[in-house]
């Protein structure tokens, strides 16, 4: 039995059974309603907005022939159960961060972010003009999904801490929330890494269940209220330099749509990616100023910590190279990243440095 068939007939991780109460797609007078489950709490700044943008785009572009019914995390299935719900055919589509699903396949990390990986611009370069979209599709075929990039947070902050980080040893025993392969790398520094859905992070930090957390960046972090709990904030992180978000549609559902409706989902997702990236980047600067005015101490990790991050990140990526598909994706990503960065550093990088010098 292949992986796709297995997922349709089993309760993988207990989640497919939990999803059996989801309604089948609705049909009426040529119209169709698709149920979208998400990894986000309803109204969660930026990330839920991206899911809503995709849904609104699909409805508008299809002239109402397709309607997307969005379910926030916990409304039908839990945040980390959406992959199995869609793969098994119990929901039509999900919006989320694919690095939550490295347990299904570690290659999914590359479609959100890997430590010391691609910036947002490098990601779309690879995705649309390299192997990225085809490799996303190759992964999706294993699990009965059709996926597209559908949001981006830009470079994420290093996070909020209950104490200052002066050296790699300060991570030893630290209870810290960080998903994906970045979390696995942080674990190599001795941290007790937690993977907690976004809507539950504030309470975990406030209660002391965790000593620190990364979330996204100044705007979303301010909206989440982390500055009410701690004032120590590291603004540059190693783990998510340009975190992509994704839409994945059950492949049988996707294949049942007309070519026009399939293209609408693709374009709706691509537009949401760029809109969402601009949303985050437009809001982060002003939010950071407000945080600082409120007493937040903006910090940078010392070089010794960055060096430790780099060593742990390489080890984490290397550990997955026994998987042939992961290895192909990583090699493709790194080749594209080197090519993109080679130009960006010498053009935009030099310009930014000179602009800062000339304009002060």
Protein backbone atom coordinates (compact mmCIF):
# COMPACT_ATOMS: atom_id res chain seq x y z
CA UNK A 1 0.00 0.00 0.00
CA UNK A 2 1.41 3.41 -0.94
CA UNK A 3 1.67 6.32 1.47
CA UNK A 4 -1.29 8.16 -0.02
CA UNK A 5 -3.60 5.14 0.29
CA UNK A 6 -2.38 4.47 3.81
CA UNK A 7 -3.24 7.98 4.93
CA UNK A 8 -6.73 7.68 3.54
CA UNK A 9 -7.47 4.46 5.43
CA UNK A 10 -5.71 5.04 8.74
CA UNK A 11 -5.85 7.44 11.65
CA UNK A 12 -2.23 8.56 11.40
CA UNK A 13 -1.21 9.95 14.76
CA UNK A 14 -4.84 9.77 15.81
CA UNK A 15 -5.68 12.83 13.77
CA UNK A 16 -7.49 11.35 10.80
CA UNK A 17 -10.07 9.79 13.09
CA UNK A 18 -10.50 13.10 14.85
CA UNK A 19 -11.15 14.75 11.50
CA UNK A 20 -13.93 12.41 10.38
CA UNK A 21 -16.56 14.81 11.62
CA UNK A 22 -15.60 17.38 8.98
CA UNK A 23 -18.25 18.09 6.40
CA UNK A 24 -17.83 16.98 2.82
CA UNK A 25 -17.50 19.73 0.20
CA UNK A 26 -20.84 21.42 -0.50
CA UNK A 27 -22.23 21.69 -4.03
CA UNK A 28 -25.14 23.88 -5.03
CA UNK A 29 -26.05 25.34 -8.42
CA UNK A 30 -22.52 24.98 -9.75
CA UNK A 31 -20.96 26.45 -6.65
CA UNK A 32 -18.57 24.69 -4.31
CA UNK A 33 -17.46 25.30 -0.74
CA UNK A 34 -13.99 24.17 0.28
CA UNK A 35 -13.15 23.74 3.96
CA UNK A 36 -9.77 25.21 4.91
CA UNK A 37 -8.26 24.18 8.23
CA UNK A 38 -5.35 26.24 9.54
CA UNK A 39 -2.48 26.05 11.98
CA UNK A 40 -3.42 29.51 13.28
CA UNK A 41 -5.64 30.82 16.01
CA UNK A 42 -8.44 32.99 14.64
CA UNK A 43 -7.24 36.54 14.13
CA UNK A 44 -3.58 35.76 14.84
CA UNK A 45 -1.76 38.78 13.38
CA UNK A 46 -0.32 38.28 9.92
CA UNK A 47 -0.48 34.51 9.65
CA UNK A 48 -4.27 34.20 9.90
CA UNK A 49 -4.47 37.25 7.66
CA UNK A 50 -2.59 35.30 4.99
CA UNK A 51 -5.09 32.44 5.15
CA UNK A 52 -7.96 34.93 4.93
CA UNK A 53 -6.31 36.64 1.97
CA UNK A 54 -6.11 33.34 0.08
CA UNK A 55 -9.76 32.61 0.82
CA UNK A 56 -10.89 36.09 -0.22
CA UNK A 57 -8.81 35.92 -3.42
CA UNK A 58 -10.30 32.56 -4.40
CA UNK A 59 -13.84 33.78 -3.82
CA UNK A 60 -13.33 37.01 -5.76
CA UNK A 61 -11.38 35.51 -8.66
CA UNK A 62 -13.89 32.67 -9.12
CA UNK A 63 -16.84 35.05 -9.08
CA UNK A 64 -18.22 33.20 -6.09
CA UNK A 65 -18.10 29.79 -7.74
CA UNK A 66 -15.57 28.71 -5.08
CA UNK A 67 -16.06 29.66 -1.45
CA UNK A 68 -13.46 28.88 1.20
CA UNK A 69 -14.76 28.22 4.70
CA UNK A 70 -11.86 28.92 7.07
CA UNK A 71 -11.55 27.01 10.33
CA UNK A 72 -9.00 28.28 12.82
CA UNK A 73 -6.84 25.92 14.85
CA UNK A 74 -8.98 23.94 17.26
CA UNK A 75 -12.30 24.68 15.58
CA UNK A 76 -12.31 21.39 13.67
CA UNK A 77 -8.85 19.93 14.25
CA UNK A 78 -5.83 21.01 16.22
CA UNK A 79 -3.12 23.21 14.75
CA UNK A 80 -0.73 20.35 14.11
CA UNK A 81 -3.43 17.98 12.82
CA UNK A 82 -4.29 19.89 9.65
CA UNK A 83 -1.81 18.02 7.46
CA UNK A 84 -3.34 14.64 8.21
CA UNK A 85 -6.88 15.98 7.95
CA UNK A 86 -6.28 17.21 4.40
CA UNK A 87 -4.05 14.35 3.32
CA UNK A 88 -6.66 11.81 4.42
CA UNK A 89 -9.44 13.65 2.57
CA UNK A 90 -11.38 14.77 5.61
CA UNK A 91 -10.76 18.47 4.90
CA UNK A 92 -10.22 20.12 1.53
CA UNK A 93 -7.22 22.35 2.17
CA UNK A 94 -5.00 23.78 4.87
CA UNK A 95 -3.04 26.97 5.41
CA UNK A 96 0.00 26.69 7.63
CA UNK A 97 3.74 26.59 8.03
CA UNK A 98 5.00 23.40 6.41
CA UNK A 99 7.93 23.04 8.82
CA UNK A 100 5.37 21.92 11.40
CA UNK A 101 5.23 18.71 9.37
CA UNK A 102 8.87 17.61 9.35
CA UNK A 103 7.63 14.48 11.11
CA UNK A 104 5.85 13.54 7.88
CA UNK A 105 8.96 14.41 5.84
CA UNK A 106 11.95 16.57 6.80
CA UNK A 107 11.98 18.09 3.31
CA UNK A 108 8.90 20.13 4.22
CA UNK A 109 11.13 22.39 6.33
CA UNK A 110 12.55 24.04 3.21
CA UNK A 111 9.12 25.40 2.26
CA UNK A 112 8.95 27.39 5.47
CA UNK A 113 12.53 27.88 6.62
CA UNK A 114 15.64 26.02 7.67
CA UNK A 115 18.35 27.44 9.93
CA UNK A 116 20.83 29.58 8.00
CA UNK A 117 18.59 29.15 4.97
CA UNK A 118 16.97 31.43 2.41
CA UNK A 119 15.67 34.95 2.82
CA UNK A 120 12.18 35.69 1.51
CA UNK A 121 13.55 36.93 -1.82
CA UNK A 122 15.87 33.95 -2.19
CA UNK A 123 12.96 31.61 -1.44
CA UNK A 124 10.75 32.95 -4.23
CA UNK A 125 13.71 33.01 -6.63
CA UNK A 126 14.18 29.29 -6.03
CA UNK A 127 10.46 28.53 -5.92
CA UNK A 128 9.41 30.23 -9.15
CA UNK A 129 12.61 30.15 -11.21
CA UNK A 130 14.39 27.11 -9.81
CA UNK A 131 13.27 23.69 -8.63
CA UNK A 132 11.21 24.84 -5.66
CA UNK A 133 7.65 24.57 -6.94
CA UNK A 134 8.32 21.23 -8.63
CA UNK A 135 9.89 19.84 -5.46
CA UNK A 136 6.98 21.07 -3.34
CA UNK A 137 4.74 19.19 -5.74
CA UNK A 138 6.92 16.08 -5.57
CA UNK A 139 6.59 16.04 -1.80
CA UNK A 140 2.86 16.62 -2.08
CA UNK A 141 2.38 13.64 -4.37
CA UNK A 142 3.62 11.35 -1.59
CA UNK A 143 0.89 12.54 0.74
CA UNK A 144 -1.94 13.30 -1.67
CA UNK A 145 -1.51 17.09 -1.57
CA UNK A 146 -1.13 19.94 -4.04
CA UNK A 147 0.78 22.78 -2.39
CA UNK A 148 1.69 26.41 -3.11
CA UNK A 149 3.50 29.12 -1.21
CA UNK A 150 0.86 31.41 0.31
CA UNK A 151 2.47 33.86 2.73
CA UNK A 152 5.79 34.96 4.16
CA UNK A 153 6.81 36.59 7.44
CA UNK A 154 10.17 37.86 6.23
CA UNK A 155 13.16 37.49 8.54
CA UNK A 156 12.06 36.45 12.00
CA UNK A 157 13.37 37.71 15.33
CA UNK A 158 15.65 35.70 17.58
CA UNK A 159 12.99 35.80 20.25
CA UNK A 160 12.02 36.72 23.79
CA UNK A 161 14.07 35.50 26.74
CA UNK A 162 13.76 35.53 30.51
CA UNK A 163 17.50 36.28 30.70
CA UNK A 164 20.24 37.67 28.48
CA UNK A 165 22.19 35.22 26.33
CA UNK A 166 25.91 35.86 26.73
CA UNK A 167 27.23 32.58 25.38
CA UNK A 168 26.11 29.21 23.98
CA UNK A 169 26.14 27.72 27.48
CA UNK A 170 23.16 29.91 28.41
CA UNK A 171 20.92 27.70 26.29
CA UNK A 172 21.67 24.64 28.40
CA UNK A 173 18.43 23.64 30.11
CA UNK A 174 16.52 26.63 28.71
CA UNK A 175 12.89 25.79 27.92
CA UNK A 176 12.37 27.44 24.57
CA UNK A 177 9.62 27.36 21.93
CA UNK A 178 10.99 26.87 18.42
CA UNK A 179 9.50 24.59 15.72
CA UNK A 180 11.13 22.96 12.71
CA UNK A 181 14.77 22.13 12.11
CA UNK A 182 15.78 25.34 13.88
CA UNK A 183 14.35 23.85 17.05
CA UNK A 184 16.29 20.64 16.51
CA UNK A 185 19.47 22.69 16.09
CA UNK A 186 18.76 24.65 19.26
CA UNK A 187 18.35 21.36 21.09
CA UNK A 188 21.96 20.55 20.28
CA UNK A 189 22.95 23.52 22.47
CA UNK A 190 21.18 21.90 25.40
CA UNK A 191 17.86 23.73 25.17
CA UNK A 192 14.64 21.92 26.06
CA UNK A 193 12.80 22.72 22.85
CA UNK A 194 9.01 22.98 22.78
CA UNK A 195 6.74 22.99 19.73
CA UNK A 196 3.67 24.94 20.78
CA UNK A 197 0.92 26.30 18.48
CA UNK A 198 1.03 30.06 18.08
CA UNK A 199 -2.25 30.68 19.87
CA UNK A 200 -0.88 28.96 23.00
CA UNK A 201 2.53 30.62 23.23
CA UNK A 202 1.58 33.66 25.33
CA UNK A 203 0.09 31.54 28.10
CA UNK A 204 3.08 29.18 28.08
CA UNK A 205 5.48 32.10 28.45
CA UNK A 206 3.36 33.86 31.08
CA UNK A 207 3.00 30.71 33.19
CA UNK A 208 6.70 29.88 33.11
CA UNK A 209 6.10 26.66 31.17
CA UNK A 210 8.74 28.04 28.80
CA UNK A 211 11.65 30.41 29.49
CA UNK A 212 11.54 32.01 26.08
CA UNK A 213 10.02 31.90 22.64
CA UNK A 214 10.50 32.92 19.07
CA UNK A 215 7.35 33.93 17.25
CA UNK A 216 7.66 36.15 14.18
CA UNK A 217 8.82 39.75 14.46
CA UNK A 218 8.03 43.07 16.18
CA UNK A 219 4.51 43.62 14.80
CA UNK A 220 3.11 40.12 15.38
CA UNK A 221 5.04 39.78 18.65
CA UNK A 222 3.64 43.07 19.93
CA UNK A 223 0.13 41.95 18.98
CA UNK A 224 0.74 38.72 20.89
CA UNK A 225 1.73 40.72 23.96
CA UNK A 226 5.06 39.11 24.80
CA UNK A 227 6.44 42.49 25.93
CA UNK A 228 4.05 42.27 28.87
CA UNK A 229 6.00 39.26 30.18
CA UNK A 230 9.66 39.99 29.42
CA UNK A 231 11.66 42.93 28.10
CA UNK A 232 14.63 41.00 26.65
CA UNK A 233 14.26 40.74 22.87
CA UNK A 234 16.76 39.50 20.29
CA UNK A 235 15.84 40.94 16.91
CA UNK A 236 17.91 38.73 14.59
CA UNK A 237 17.56 34.96 14.56
CA UNK A 238 19.28 32.10 12.77
CA UNK A 239 16.25 29.86 12.38
CA UNK A 240 13.84 31.59 9.96
CA UNK A 241 15.43 34.18 7.65
CA UNK A 242 12.37 34.27 5.37
CA UNK A 243 9.61 31.97 6.57
CA UNK A 244 7.19 30.86 3.88
CA UNK A 245 3.59 29.82 4.55
CA UNK A 246 1.70 27.36 2.39
CA UNK A 247 -1.68 26.31 1.13
CA UNK A 248 -2.13 22.59 0.49
CA UNK A 249 -5.24 21.19 -1.18
CA UNK A 250 -6.19 17.53 -1.08
CA UNK A 251 -4.96 16.25 -4.42
CA UNK A 252 -8.19 14.44 -5.35
CA UNK A 253 -10.12 17.63 -4.60
CA UNK A 254 -7.65 19.71 -6.60
CA UNK A 255 -7.79 17.31 -9.55
CA UNK A 256 -11.60 17.47 -9.52
CA UNK A 257 -11.54 21.24 -10.09
CA UNK A 258 -11.61 22.84 -13.51
CA UNK A 259 -8.25 24.07 -14.88
CA UNK A 260 -9.47 27.64 -14.33
CA UNK A 261 -10.25 26.97 -10.67
CA UNK A 262 -6.92 25.20 -10.18
CA UNK A 263 -5.12 28.23 -11.59
CA UNK A 264 -7.15 30.50 -9.32
CA UNK A 265 -5.89 28.65 -6.23
CA UNK A 266 -2.31 28.93 -7.50
CA UNK A 267 -2.51 32.65 -8.27
CA UNK A 268 -4.54 33.44 -5.16
CA UNK A 269 -1.80 31.83 -3.09
CA UNK A 270 1.04 33.62 -4.90
CA UNK A 271 -0.63 37.01 -4.46
CA UNK A 272 -1.19 36.29 -0.76
CA UNK A 273 2.50 35.46 -0.40
CA UNK A 274 3.62 38.87 -1.63
CA UNK A 275 0.80 40.75 0.12
CA UNK A 276 1.59 39.05 3.43
CA UNK A 277 5.35 39.66 3.17
CA UNK A 278 4.66 43.35 2.57
CA UNK A 279 2.24 43.38 5.50
CA UNK A 280 4.88 42.14 7.92
CA UNK A 281 7.70 44.30 6.60
CA UNK A 282 5.52 47.39 6.48
CA UNK A 283 4.51 47.04 10.13
CA UNK A 284 7.68 45.77 11.81
CA UNK A 285 9.66 49.01 11.96
CA UNK A 286 7.00 51.08 13.73
CA UNK A 287 6.21 48.19 16.06
CA UNK A 288 9.87 47.89 17.06
CA UNK A 289 9.94 51.59 17.93
CA UNK A 290 6.85 51.17 20.10
CA UNK A 291 8.38 48.18 21.86
CA UNK A 292 11.56 50.10 22.60
CA UNK A 293 9.55 53.08 23.86
CA UNK A 294 7.81 50.65 26.21
CA UNK A 295 11.07 49.54 27.76
CA UNK A 296 11.93 46.50 25.65
CA UNK A 297 15.69 45.96 25.48
CA UNK A 298 16.71 45.17 21.90
CA UNK A 299 19.64 42.75 21.84
CA UNK A 300 21.91 40.93 19.39
CA UNK A 301 23.45 37.53 20.00
CA UNK A 302 27.24 37.61 20.40
CA UNK A 303 29.44 36.02 17.73
CA UNK A 304 30.12 32.98 19.92
CA UNK A 305 26.39 32.20 19.92
CA UNK A 306 26.11 32.70 16.15
CA UNK A 307 29.03 30.32 15.69
CA UNK A 308 27.29 27.72 17.87
CA UNK A 309 24.05 28.21 15.92
CA UNK A 310 25.94 27.61 12.68
CA UNK A 311 27.62 24.41 13.87
CA UNK A 312 24.37 22.99 15.26
CA UNK A 313 22.45 23.93 12.12
CA UNK A 314 24.89 22.18 9.82
CA UNK A 315 24.78 19.05 11.97
CA UNK A 316 20.98 19.08 11.92
CA UNK A 317 20.77 19.38 8.16
CA UNK A 318 23.49 16.77 7.64
CA UNK A 319 21.61 14.26 9.78
CA UNK A 320 18.78 14.18 7.22
CA UNK A 321 20.95 13.68 4.16
CA UNK A 322 20.27 9.94 4.17
CA UNK A 323 16.84 10.73 2.77
CA UNK A 324 17.25 11.00 -0.99
CA UNK A 325 14.52 13.58 -1.53
CA UNK A 326 15.70 15.74 1.38
CA UNK A 327 19.22 15.64 -0.05
CA UNK A 328 18.02 16.72 -3.50
CA UNK A 329 15.95 19.56 -2.06
CA UNK A 330 18.82 20.77 0.13
CA UNK A 331 21.33 20.67 -2.72
CA UNK A 332 18.92 22.58 -4.97
CA UNK A 333 18.22 25.18 -2.26
CA UNK A 334 21.87 25.79 -1.50
CA UNK A 335 22.82 26.11 -5.17
CA UNK A 336 20.03 28.61 -5.77
CA UNK A 337 20.81 30.49 -2.55
CA UNK A 338 24.46 30.88 -3.53
CA UNK A 339 23.53 32.18 -6.97
CA UNK A 340 20.94 34.64 -5.65
CA UNK A 341 23.08 35.83 -2.77
CA UNK A 342 26.11 36.33 -5.00
CA UNK A 343 24.29 39.13 -6.82
CA UNK A 344 22.19 40.53 -3.98
CA UNK A 345 25.19 41.03 -1.69
CA UNK A 346 27.10 42.94 -4.37
CA UNK A 347 24.13 45.04 -5.50
CA UNK A 348 21.45 45.62 -2.90
CA UNK A 349 23.80 44.80 -0.02
CA UNK A 350 26.34 47.45 -1.05
CA UNK A 351 23.59 49.95 -1.80
CA UNK A 352 21.99 49.53 1.64
CA UNK A 353 25.32 49.98 3.40
CA UNK A 354 26.09 53.11 1.37
CA UNK A 355 22.61 54.51 1.86
CA UNK A 356 22.98 54.15 5.62
CA UNK A 357 26.42 55.78 5.48
CA UNK A 358 25.43 58.69 3.25
CA UNK A 359 22.07 59.45 4.84
CA UNK A 360 23.15 58.67 8.37
